[in-house]
Amino acid sequence: MWHLIVVIIIGFIAGLIARALHPGDDKAGFIVTTLLGIAGSFVATYGGRMLGLYSANSSAGFIASVIGAVVILVIYNFIRKNS
């Protein structure tokens, strides 16, 4: 149970930092920001595993989670801008 709570808190903080690093006209609330950070962590973890940076049982750190969230935010804004 604590693992899930910690993931949500770290995801929210990573999402906030990602939105601060990539400013824009995003009107996202608490849930979207949290999901952005959690998705960034997943992207960083699985991307790092594919590149051989992490072993099968390890996960990405906080900075990698923020970088993953920024990548997702850039892709989202690029897709939204083109449509």
N, C-alpha and C. Protein backbone atom coordinates (compact mmCIF):
# COMPACT_ATOMS: atom_id res chain seq x y z
N MET A 1 0.82 -1.19 0.00
CA MET A 1 0.00 0.00 0.00
C MET A 1 0.86 1.26 0.00
N TRP A 2 1.93 1.23 0.81
CA TRP A 2 2.80 2.40 0.87
C TRP A 2 3.50 2.64 -0.46
N HIS A 3 3.81 1.57 -1.18
CA HIS A 3 4.48 1.71 -2.47
C HIS A 3 3.60 2.52 -3.42
N LEU A 4 2.32 2.24 -3.45
CA LEU A 4 1.40 2.96 -4.33
C LEU A 4 1.30 4.44 -3.94
N ILE A 5 1.26 4.72 -2.67
CA ILE A 5 1.19 6.10 -2.20
C ILE A 5 2.47 6.86 -2.56
N VAL A 6 3.60 6.21 -2.38
CA VAL A 6 4.88 6.84 -2.72
C VAL A 6 4.97 7.08 -4.22
N VAL A 7 4.51 6.14 -5.03
CA VAL A 7 4.51 6.31 -6.49
C VAL A 7 3.66 7.50 -6.89
N ILE A 8 2.50 7.66 -6.29
CA ILE A 8 1.63 8.79 -6.61
C ILE A 8 2.28 10.11 -6.21
N ILE A 9 2.87 10.16 -5.05
CA ILE A 9 3.50 11.41 -4.58
C ILE A 9 4.70 11.76 -5.45
N ILE A 10 5.57 10.78 -5.73
CA ILE A 10 6.73 11.03 -6.59
C ILE A 10 6.27 11.39 -8.00
N GLY A 11 5.23 10.73 -8.50
CA GLY A 11 4.70 11.06 -9.82
C GLY A 11 4.17 12.48 -9.89
N PHE A 12 3.49 12.92 -8.84
CA PHE A 12 2.98 14.28 -8.81
C PHE A 12 4.12 15.30 -8.81
N ILE A 13 5.13 15.05 -8.00
CA ILE A 13 6.27 15.98 -7.93
C ILE A 13 7.02 16.00 -9.26
N ALA A 14 7.23 14.82 -9.86
CA ALA A 14 7.90 14.76 -11.16
C ALA A 14 7.08 15.47 -12.23
N GLY A 15 5.76 15.32 -12.19
CA GLY A 15 4.89 16.01 -13.14
C GLY A 15 4.93 17.52 -12.97
N LEU A 16 4.95 17.98 -11.73
CA LEU A 16 5.06 19.42 -11.48
C LEU A 16 6.37 19.99 -12.01
N ILE A 17 7.45 19.28 -11.77
CA ILE A 17 8.75 19.77 -12.25
C ILE A 17 8.80 19.74 -13.77
N ALA A 18 8.23 18.71 -14.38
CA ALA A 18 8.21 18.62 -15.85
C ALA A 18 7.40 19.77 -16.44
N ARG A 19 6.28 20.09 -15.83
CA ARG A 19 5.47 21.21 -16.34
C ARG A 19 6.16 22.54 -16.11
N ALA A 20 6.98 22.65 -15.08
CA ALA A 20 7.74 23.88 -14.84
C ALA A 20 8.89 24.01 -15.83
N LEU A 21 9.51 22.88 -16.20
CA LEU A 21 10.62 22.92 -17.15
C LEU A 21 10.16 23.15 -18.58
N HIS A 22 8.96 22.70 -18.90
CA HIS A 22 8.41 22.87 -20.24
C HIS A 22 7.13 23.70 -20.13
N PRO A 23 7.28 25.02 -20.01
CA PRO A 23 6.08 25.84 -19.83
C PRO A 23 5.25 25.90 -21.12
N GLY A 24 4.01 26.11 -20.92
CA GLY A 24 3.09 26.21 -22.05
C GLY A 24 1.71 26.54 -21.54
N ASP A 25 0.76 26.53 -22.44
CA ASP A 25 -0.62 26.85 -22.09
C ASP A 25 -1.39 25.58 -21.77
N ASP A 26 -0.89 24.83 -20.78
CA ASP A 26 -1.55 23.60 -20.36
C ASP A 26 -2.48 23.91 -19.20
N LYS A 27 -3.69 23.46 -19.33
CA LYS A 27 -4.66 23.64 -18.25
C LYS A 27 -4.95 22.28 -17.63
N ALA A 28 -3.91 21.67 -17.07
CA ALA A 28 -4.03 20.35 -16.47
C ALA A 28 -4.13 20.49 -14.96
N GLY A 29 -4.92 19.64 -14.38
CA GLY A 29 -5.11 19.67 -12.94
C GLY A 29 -4.22 18.68 -12.22
N PHE A 30 -4.59 18.39 -11.00
CA PHE A 30 -3.82 17.50 -10.13
C PHE A 30 -3.68 16.10 -10.73
N ILE A 31 -4.77 15.53 -11.20
CA ILE A 31 -4.76 14.15 -11.68
C ILE A 31 -3.92 14.03 -12.95
N VAL A 32 -4.08 14.96 -13.89
CA VAL A 32 -3.31 14.91 -15.14
C VAL A 32 -1.82 15.11 -14.86
N THR A 33 -1.48 16.01 -13.95
CA THR A 33 -0.09 16.23 -13.59
C THR A 33 0.51 14.99 -12.94
N THR A 34 -0.25 14.35 -12.08
CA THR A 34 0.21 13.12 -11.44
C THR A 34 0.40 12.01 -12.46
N LEU A 35 -0.55 11.85 -13.35
CA LEU A 35 -0.44 10.82 -14.39
C LEU A 35 0.73 11.10 -15.32
N LEU A 36 0.99 12.36 -15.59
CA LEU A 36 2.15 12.74 -16.41
C LEU A 36 3.45 12.28 -15.75
N GLY A 37 3.58 12.51 -14.46
CA GLY A 37 4.78 12.09 -13.74
C GLY A 37 4.93 10.59 -13.65
N ILE A 38 3.82 9.89 -13.41
CA ILE A 38 3.86 8.43 -13.33
C ILE A 38 4.20 7.85 -14.70
N ALA A 39 3.59 8.38 -15.77
CA ALA A 39 3.90 7.91 -17.12
C ALA A 39 5.35 8.21 -17.47
N GLY A 40 5.87 9.35 -17.04
CA GLY A 40 7.27 9.67 -17.26
C GLY A 40 8.20 8.67 -16.59
N SER A 41 7.81 8.22 -15.41
CA SER A 41 8.60 7.21 -14.72
C SER A 41 8.60 5.89 -15.48
N PHE A 42 7.43 5.50 -16.00
CA PHE A 42 7.35 4.28 -16.80
C PHE A 42 8.19 4.39 -18.06
N VAL A 43 8.11 5.53 -18.74
CA VAL A 43 8.89 5.73 -19.96
C VAL A 43 10.38 5.66 -19.65
N ALA A 44 10.79 6.30 -18.57
CA ALA A 44 12.21 6.29 -18.19
C ALA A 44 12.66 4.89 -17.79
N THR A 45 11.83 4.16 -17.07
CA THR A 45 12.21 2.82 -16.63
C THR A 45 12.35 1.87 -17.81
N TYR A 46 11.32 1.79 -18.65
CA TYR A 46 11.36 0.84 -19.76
C TYR A 46 12.31 1.29 -20.86
N GLY A 47 12.44 2.59 -21.07
CA GLY A 47 13.43 3.09 -22.02
C GLY A 47 14.85 2.79 -21.56
N GLY A 48 15.08 2.97 -20.27
CA GLY A 48 16.39 2.65 -19.70
C GLY A 48 16.71 1.17 -19.76
N ARG A 49 15.69 0.33 -19.59
CA ARG A 49 15.90 -1.12 -19.70
C ARG A 49 16.22 -1.51 -21.14
N MET A 50 15.54 -0.89 -22.11
CA MET A 50 15.82 -1.20 -23.51
C MET A 50 17.22 -0.74 -23.92
N LEU A 51 17.69 0.36 -23.34
CA LEU A 51 19.02 0.87 -23.65
C LEU A 51 20.11 0.19 -22.82
N GLY A 52 19.71 -0.65 -21.87
CA GLY A 52 20.67 -1.36 -21.04
C GLY A 52 21.17 -0.56 -19.85
N LEU A 53 20.49 0.51 -19.50
CA LEU A 53 20.91 1.33 -18.37
C LEU A 53 20.45 0.76 -17.03
N TYR A 54 19.34 0.02 -17.04
CA TYR A 54 18.79 -0.55 -15.82
C TYR A 54 18.66 -2.06 -15.99
N SER A 55 18.79 -2.77 -14.88
CA SER A 55 18.56 -4.21 -14.92
C SER A 55 17.06 -4.48 -14.91
N ALA A 56 16.70 -5.75 -15.02
CA ALA A 56 15.29 -6.12 -15.12
C ALA A 56 14.50 -5.79 -13.86
N ASN A 57 15.12 -5.76 -12.71
CA ASN A 57 14.39 -5.54 -11.46
C ASN A 57 14.53 -4.12 -10.92
N SER A 58 15.22 -3.24 -11.60
CA SER A 58 15.39 -1.89 -11.09
C SER A 58 14.49 -0.92 -11.84
N SER A 59 14.26 0.22 -11.24
CA SER A 59 13.42 1.24 -11.87
C SER A 59 14.20 2.53 -11.98
N ALA A 60 13.65 3.45 -12.74
CA ALA A 60 14.31 4.73 -12.96
C ALA A 60 14.29 5.57 -11.70
N GLY A 61 15.24 6.46 -11.59
CA GLY A 61 15.29 7.37 -10.46
C GLY A 61 14.41 8.58 -10.69
N PHE A 62 14.47 9.49 -9.75
CA PHE A 62 13.61 10.66 -9.79
C PHE A 62 13.93 11.57 -10.98
N ILE A 63 15.22 11.81 -11.22
CA ILE A 63 15.61 12.71 -12.32
C ILE A 63 15.22 12.10 -13.66
N ALA A 64 15.43 10.79 -13.81
CA ALA A 64 15.02 10.13 -15.05
C ALA A 64 13.50 10.18 -15.22
N SER A 65 12.75 10.11 -14.13
CA SER A 65 11.29 10.22 -14.21
C SER A 65 10.87 11.61 -14.69
N VAL A 66 11.56 12.63 -14.22
CA VAL A 66 11.26 14.00 -14.67
C VAL A 66 11.58 14.14 -16.15
N ILE A 67 12.71 13.59 -16.58
CA ILE A 67 13.08 13.64 -18.00
C ILE A 67 12.05 12.90 -18.84
N GLY A 68 11.60 11.74 -18.39
CA GLY A 68 10.57 11.01 -19.10
C GLY A 68 9.27 11.79 -19.19
N ALA A 69 8.90 12.49 -18.12
CA ALA A 69 7.68 13.30 -18.13
C ALA A 69 7.82 14.47 -19.09
N VAL A 70 9.00 15.08 -19.17
CA VAL A 70 9.22 16.18 -20.11
C VAL A 70 9.10 15.66 -21.54
N VAL A 71 9.65 14.47 -21.81
CA VAL A 71 9.54 13.88 -23.14
C VAL A 71 8.07 13.66 -23.52
N ILE A 72 7.30 13.12 -22.59
CA ILE A 72 5.87 12.91 -22.86
C ILE A 72 5.16 14.24 -23.10
N LEU A 73 5.49 15.25 -22.34
CA LEU A 73 4.87 16.56 -22.49
C LEU A 73 5.22 17.20 -23.83
N VAL A 74 6.46 17.06 -24.27
CA VAL A 74 6.87 17.59 -25.57
C VAL A 74 6.13 16.88 -26.69
N ILE A 75 6.04 15.56 -26.62
CA ILE A 75 5.32 14.79 -27.65
C ILE A 75 3.84 15.17 -27.66
N TYR A 76 3.24 15.30 -26.48
CA TYR A 76 1.83 15.68 -26.39
C TYR A 76 1.58 17.05 -27.01
N ASN A 77 2.44 18.02 -26.70
CA ASN A 77 2.26 19.37 -27.27
C ASN A 77 2.49 19.38 -28.78
N PHE A 78 3.42 18.55 -29.25
CA PHE A 78 3.68 18.47 -30.70
C PHE A 78 2.47 17.88 -31.43
N ILE A 79 1.88 16.83 -30.87
CA ILE A 79 0.70 16.21 -31.49
C ILE A 79 -0.48 17.16 -31.43
N ARG A 80 -0.66 17.83 -30.30
CA ARG A 80 -1.80 18.75 -30.15
C ARG A 80 -1.67 19.94 -31.07
N LYS A 81 -0.45 20.41 -31.30
CA LYS A 81 -0.22 21.55 -32.17
C LYS A 81 -0.52 21.21 -33.63
N ASN A 82 -0.22 19.97 -34.04
CA ASN A 82 -0.42 19.56 -35.44
C ASN A 82 -1.87 19.25 -35.77
N SER A 83 -2.68 18.96 -34.77
CA SER A 83 -4.07 18.61 -35.06
C SER A 83 -5.02 19.76 -34.90
